[in-house]
């Protein structure tokens, strides 16, 4: 289920239409309303959109039982991956998604997930994983613009879980439910920076659900000692719109600014997705995470 379908399942058929109107009219909702909407959205992040997980929540209102259902789903995925690839590398790569994202590497390092296997050895497995629809792949856009599919780097990519609820469970796979700090921290809006990848995963999921192919871009800083990274790029008309994702209300956007200077004539819109209310400052549109679905 996407977020709209999740809201329907919970009996809310009005909110999404309201949000869509606010998005198109660029109307802020107010801090109190946004806080409630973000609480609702964080619940979606934790439960996810798998029908069995949503049904478990509706039946029990118990996130521990929901987590158990999600573990059963992941185990079924593992069985499918092992049929695709009896060596176990497909399953290893799937399980490594949270660790790879939190490592802050600018690509998925397949060799580190598969005991040193080269990407060339894993090409068929990676293709099978992608075709399974269990993951979302974001490719590095070597030449950002309207035709990014023509210039994507096939060996430079990030891998996201197709369902963020499963991602949350996957991140603490070897721990008991009570040890999974994401549940408590997300519900209380105290997610630490090192867990910000949960937001990155759900934004990837929502952009994909909205019909976008996923791309990102990295390039060296002026000093050459670090890299700028634009989390996502989407094609709009004949131009490109960069997106930066924040897991808080923090509004710094050095990478996005540097990207827009570098490719100024190609920029359509600039988006920063965060947890606060919608606002526009100069040419930047700040969007609460739940409005990603309208991009």
Protein backbone atom coordinates (compact mmCIF):
# COMPACT_ATOMS: atom_id res chain seq x y z
CA UNK A 1 0.00 0.00 0.00
CA UNK A 2 1.15 3.53 -0.69
CA UNK A 3 0.46 6.20 1.92
CA UNK A 4 -2.95 7.11 0.50
CA UNK A 5 -4.05 3.46 0.58
CA UNK A 6 -2.70 3.13 4.12
CA UNK A 7 -4.83 6.08 5.23
CA UNK A 8 -7.86 4.52 3.57
CA UNK A 9 -7.21 1.25 5.41
CA UNK A 10 -7.19 3.20 8.68
CA UNK A 11 -10.57 4.71 7.78
CA UNK A 12 -9.30 8.16 6.76
CA UNK A 13 -10.53 9.12 3.30
CA UNK A 14 -10.32 12.90 3.69
CA UNK A 15 -6.74 13.79 4.65
CA UNK A 16 -4.97 13.06 1.36
CA UNK A 17 -7.35 15.23 -0.68
CA UNK A 18 -6.83 18.04 1.83
CA UNK A 19 -3.06 17.68 1.59
CA UNK A 20 -3.13 17.62 -2.19
CA UNK A 21 -5.01 20.91 -2.24
CA UNK A 22 -2.55 22.47 0.20
CA UNK A 23 0.38 21.25 -1.89
CA UNK A 24 -0.92 22.66 -5.16
CA UNK A 25 -1.90 25.96 -3.57
CA UNK A 26 1.34 26.10 -1.54
CA UNK A 27 -0.72 26.54 1.63
CA UNK A 28 0.95 25.91 4.98
CA UNK A 29 -0.97 23.78 7.45
CA UNK A 30 0.26 25.27 10.71
CA UNK A 31 2.68 23.71 13.17
CA UNK A 32 0.09 21.90 15.30
CA UNK A 33 -1.57 20.24 12.30
CA UNK A 34 1.79 19.33 10.80
CA UNK A 35 2.90 17.68 14.05
CA UNK A 36 -0.20 15.47 14.02
CA UNK A 37 0.23 14.64 10.34
CA UNK A 38 3.88 13.73 10.92
CA UNK A 39 2.88 11.44 13.82
CA UNK A 40 0.45 9.69 11.47
CA UNK A 41 3.11 9.43 8.78
CA UNK A 42 5.69 7.99 11.18
CA UNK A 43 3.21 5.24 12.02
CA UNK A 44 3.13 4.39 8.30
CA UNK A 45 6.93 4.30 8.28
CA UNK A 46 6.92 1.77 11.13
CA UNK A 47 4.10 -0.46 9.93
CA UNK A 48 4.72 -0.15 6.21
CA UNK A 49 2.25 -0.93 3.48
CA UNK A 50 2.27 -4.73 3.37
CA UNK A 51 -1.40 -5.75 3.67
CA UNK A 52 -0.66 -8.44 6.28
CA UNK A 53 1.21 -5.94 8.48
CA UNK A 54 -1.54 -3.33 8.18
CA UNK A 55 -4.20 -5.94 8.97
CA UNK A 56 -2.24 -7.02 12.05
CA UNK A 57 -2.11 -3.42 13.29
CA UNK A 58 -5.83 -2.91 12.72
CA UNK A 59 -6.62 -6.17 14.54
CA UNK A 60 -4.26 -5.77 17.50
CA UNK A 61 -2.99 -2.16 17.71
CA UNK A 62 0.24 -3.86 18.80
CA UNK A 63 3.49 -2.97 17.03
CA UNK A 64 5.30 -6.00 18.45
CA UNK A 65 2.80 -8.28 16.73
CA UNK A 66 3.12 -6.20 13.56
CA UNK A 67 6.88 -6.67 13.72
CA UNK A 68 6.39 -10.43 13.99
CA UNK A 69 4.25 -10.39 10.85
CA UNK A 70 6.91 -8.38 9.01
CA UNK A 71 9.54 -10.93 10.03
CA UNK A 72 7.42 -13.67 8.50
CA UNK A 73 7.19 -11.68 5.26
CA UNK A 74 10.96 -11.15 5.17
CA UNK A 75 11.50 -14.88 5.75
CA UNK A 76 9.31 -15.60 2.71
CA UNK A 77 11.40 -13.13 0.70
CA UNK A 78 14.53 -14.95 1.83
CA UNK A 79 13.08 -18.23 0.58
CA UNK A 80 12.38 -16.63 -2.79
CA UNK A 81 15.88 -15.14 -2.97
CA UNK A 82 17.42 -18.51 -2.16
CA UNK A 83 15.49 -20.04 -5.06
CA UNK A 84 16.87 -17.34 -7.34
CA UNK A 85 20.37 -17.71 -5.93
CA UNK A 86 21.19 -20.85 -3.90
CA UNK A 87 24.58 -19.35 -2.94
CA UNK A 88 22.75 -16.98 -0.58
CA UNK A 89 24.25 -13.80 -2.01
CA UNK A 90 20.87 -12.35 -3.03
CA UNK A 91 19.58 -12.78 0.52
CA UNK A 92 22.79 -11.27 1.93
CA UNK A 93 22.46 -8.23 -0.30
CA UNK A 94 18.85 -7.69 0.77
CA UNK A 95 19.72 -7.96 4.45
CA UNK A 96 22.59 -5.52 4.03
CA UNK A 97 20.39 -2.65 2.81
CA UNK A 98 20.15 -0.81 6.18
CA UNK A 99 23.86 -1.24 6.94
CA UNK A 100 24.84 -0.02 3.47
CA UNK A 101 22.69 3.10 3.76
CA UNK A 102 23.88 4.02 7.24
CA UNK A 103 27.53 3.64 6.24
CA UNK A 104 27.21 6.91 4.26
CA UNK A 105 28.96 5.37 1.27
CA UNK A 106 27.97 6.98 -2.01
CA UNK A 107 27.00 3.62 -3.48
CA UNK A 108 25.96 0.11 -2.51
CA UNK A 109 29.16 -1.90 -2.03
CA UNK A 110 28.15 -5.32 -3.26
CA UNK A 111 31.51 -6.89 -2.44
CA UNK A 112 31.17 -6.06 1.26
CA UNK A 113 27.75 -7.73 1.41
CA UNK A 114 28.86 -10.89 -0.40
CA UNK A 115 32.27 -11.78 1.01
CA UNK A 116 34.26 -10.05 -1.69
CA UNK A 117 32.30 -10.93 -4.84
CA UNK A 118 32.87 -8.50 -7.71
CA UNK A 119 29.93 -6.61 -9.23
CA UNK A 120 30.54 -8.37 -12.54
CA UNK A 121 30.02 -11.72 -10.80
CA UNK A 122 26.80 -10.47 -9.22
CA UNK A 123 25.25 -8.75 -12.25
CA UNK A 124 22.63 -11.43 -12.87
CA UNK A 125 21.75 -11.67 -9.16
CA UNK A 126 21.40 -7.88 -8.88
CA UNK A 127 19.13 -7.88 -11.93
CA UNK A 128 16.97 -10.61 -10.35
CA UNK A 129 16.74 -8.66 -7.07
CA UNK A 130 15.66 -5.55 -8.96
CA UNK A 131 13.05 -7.48 -10.95
CA UNK A 132 11.63 -8.95 -7.72
CA UNK A 133 10.10 -5.52 -6.89
CA UNK A 134 11.21 -6.05 -3.28
CA UNK A 135 13.79 -3.28 -3.57
CA UNK A 136 14.02 0.16 -5.15
CA UNK A 137 17.24 1.01 -6.97
CA UNK A 138 18.57 4.56 -7.27
CA UNK A 139 21.29 5.01 -9.89
CA UNK A 140 23.99 7.64 -10.03
CA UNK A 141 23.18 10.15 -12.77
CA UNK A 142 26.46 10.86 -14.52
CA UNK A 143 24.88 13.73 -16.47
CA UNK A 144 21.92 15.16 -14.50
CA UNK A 145 19.11 16.34 -16.73
CA UNK A 146 15.89 15.26 -18.40
CA UNK A 147 17.45 12.13 -19.95
CA UNK A 148 19.10 10.64 -16.90
CA UNK A 149 18.27 7.07 -17.95
CA UNK A 150 20.70 7.52 -20.84
CA UNK A 151 23.53 8.51 -18.52
CA UNK A 152 23.02 6.39 -15.40
CA UNK A 153 25.95 4.46 -13.98
CA UNK A 154 24.83 0.80 -13.91
CA UNK A 155 27.49 -0.16 -11.35
CA UNK A 156 26.98 2.86 -9.09
CA UNK A 157 23.69 2.59 -7.27
CA UNK A 158 21.95 2.62 -3.93
CA UNK A 159 19.51 -0.06 -2.87
CA UNK A 160 16.42 0.70 -0.78
CA UNK A 161 13.82 -1.63 0.66
CA UNK A 162 10.60 -1.41 -1.33
CA UNK A 163 8.62 -1.20 1.92
CA UNK A 164 9.89 0.99 4.76
CA UNK A 165 8.04 -1.03 7.39
CA UNK A 166 10.07 -4.06 6.34
CA UNK A 167 13.18 -1.87 6.32
CA UNK A 168 12.63 -0.97 10.00
CA UNK A 169 12.42 -4.65 10.93
CA UNK A 170 15.36 -5.54 8.70
CA UNK A 171 17.55 -2.92 10.42
CA UNK A 172 17.23 -4.79 13.73
CA UNK A 173 16.86 -8.29 12.34
CA UNK A 174 19.13 -9.92 14.93
CA UNK A 175 17.55 -8.09 17.88
CA UNK A 176 14.40 -8.58 19.90
CA UNK A 177 11.51 -6.23 19.20
CA UNK A 178 12.15 -4.44 22.50
CA UNK A 179 15.70 -3.67 21.34
CA UNK A 180 14.54 -2.03 18.11
CA UNK A 181 15.08 1.62 19.01
CA UNK A 182 13.57 2.85 15.74
CA UNK A 183 10.04 2.14 16.97
CA UNK A 184 10.40 4.20 20.12
CA UNK A 185 12.47 6.98 18.58
CA UNK A 186 10.25 7.44 15.55
CA UNK A 187 7.04 7.46 17.56
CA UNK A 188 8.47 10.02 19.97
CA UNK A 189 10.04 12.06 17.13
CA UNK A 190 13.53 11.61 18.56
CA UNK A 191 15.15 9.78 15.68
CA UNK A 192 18.89 10.39 15.87
CA UNK A 193 20.92 11.45 12.86
CA UNK A 194 22.43 7.98 12.47
CA UNK A 195 18.91 6.62 11.87
CA UNK A 196 18.05 9.24 9.27
CA UNK A 197 18.32 6.60 6.57
CA UNK A 198 14.80 5.47 7.54
CA UNK A 199 13.51 8.74 6.08
CA UNK A 200 15.68 8.35 3.00
CA UNK A 201 14.16 4.92 2.42
CA UNK A 202 10.56 6.09 2.74
CA UNK A 203 11.17 9.04 0.40
CA UNK A 204 12.62 6.64 -2.18
CA UNK A 205 9.52 4.47 -1.75
CA UNK A 206 7.15 7.42 -2.19
CA UNK A 207 8.94 8.85 -5.22
CA UNK A 208 8.83 5.43 -6.86
CA UNK A 209 5.12 5.10 -6.05
CA UNK A 210 4.57 8.51 -7.67
CA UNK A 211 6.03 7.16 -10.91
CA UNK A 212 9.59 8.49 -10.73
CA UNK A 213 12.73 6.57 -11.55
CA UNK A 214 15.30 7.10 -8.79
CA UNK A 215 18.59 8.90 -9.36
CA UNK A 216 21.14 10.65 -7.16
CA UNK A 217 24.34 12.60 -7.71
CA UNK A 218 27.67 12.98 -5.93
CA UNK A 219 30.57 15.28 -6.72
CA UNK A 220 33.68 16.54 -4.89
CA UNK A 221 33.60 19.58 -2.64
CA UNK A 222 35.82 22.54 -3.45
CA UNK A 223 38.55 21.18 -1.17
CA UNK A 224 38.35 17.76 -2.78
CA UNK A 225 38.41 16.12 0.65
CA UNK A 226 34.71 15.27 0.79
CA UNK A 227 31.76 14.80 -1.53
CA UNK A 228 28.54 16.67 -1.96
CA UNK A 229 25.59 14.35 -2.37
CA UNK A 230 22.13 15.16 -3.67
CA UNK A 231 19.81 12.49 -2.29
CA UNK A 232 17.42 12.28 -5.24
CA UNK A 233 16.96 13.79 -8.68
CA UNK A 234 13.67 13.75 -10.56
CA UNK A 235 13.04 14.82 -14.14
CA UNK A 236 10.44 17.57 -14.53
CA UNK A 237 9.60 18.71 -18.07
CA UNK A 238 12.96 19.07 -19.81
CA UNK A 239 14.85 19.91 -16.62
CA UNK A 240 15.89 18.28 -13.35
CA UNK A 241 14.75 18.92 -9.78
CA UNK A 242 17.11 18.03 -6.92
CA UNK A 243 15.77 16.76 -3.60
CA UNK A 244 17.51 16.77 -0.23
CA UNK A 245 16.07 14.70 2.63
CA UNK A 246 16.34 15.62 6.31
CA UNK A 247 15.14 13.46 9.19
CA UNK A 248 14.41 16.54 11.29
CA UNK A 249 13.48 20.19 10.87
CA UNK A 250 17.10 21.03 10.04
CA UNK A 251 17.20 23.29 6.98
CA UNK A 252 20.87 23.33 5.90
CA UNK A 253 21.30 22.28 2.28
CA UNK A 254 24.91 22.79 1.20
CA UNK A 255 24.91 19.88 -1.27
CA UNK A 256 21.72 21.04 -2.93
CA UNK A 257 23.01 24.60 -3.25
CA UNK A 258 26.32 23.43 -4.74
CA UNK A 259 24.46 21.22 -7.23
CA UNK A 260 22.25 24.12 -8.31
CA UNK A 261 25.29 26.33 -8.87
CA UNK A 262 26.95 23.62 -10.93
CA UNK A 263 23.90 22.91 -13.10
CA UNK A 264 22.04 26.22 -12.83
CA UNK A 265 20.55 26.21 -16.34
CA UNK A 266 19.12 22.71 -15.87
CA UNK A 267 17.23 23.30 -12.61
CA UNK A 268 13.43 23.24 -12.58
CA UNK A 269 12.64 23.18 -8.83
CA UNK A 270 14.55 22.75 -5.58
CA UNK A 271 13.01 20.63 -2.84
CA UNK A 272 14.04 20.02 0.74
CA UNK A 273 11.98 17.29 2.40
CA UNK A 274 11.91 17.45 6.18
CA UNK A 275 9.58 17.10 9.19
CA UNK A 276 8.27 20.65 9.52
CA UNK A 277 5.43 22.52 7.80
CA UNK A 278 5.49 23.45 4.12
CA UNK A 279 7.11 26.78 3.33
CA UNK A 280 8.87 28.55 0.51
CA UNK A 281 12.05 30.55 0.98
CA UNK A 282 13.31 32.23 -2.17
CA UNK A 283 13.51 29.43 -4.77
CA UNK A 284 13.47 26.54 -2.28
CA UNK A 285 10.29 24.62 -1.46
CA UNK A 286 10.40 22.96 1.97
CA UNK A 287 8.01 20.02 2.13
CA UNK A 288 6.92 17.81 5.03
CA UNK A 289 7.77 14.18 4.25
CA UNK A 290 4.16 13.13 3.76
CA UNK A 291 3.80 15.51 0.78
CA UNK A 292 6.46 13.68 -1.23
CA UNK A 293 3.64 11.72 -2.85
CA UNK A 294 2.60 14.83 -4.82
CA UNK A 295 5.95 15.42 -6.54
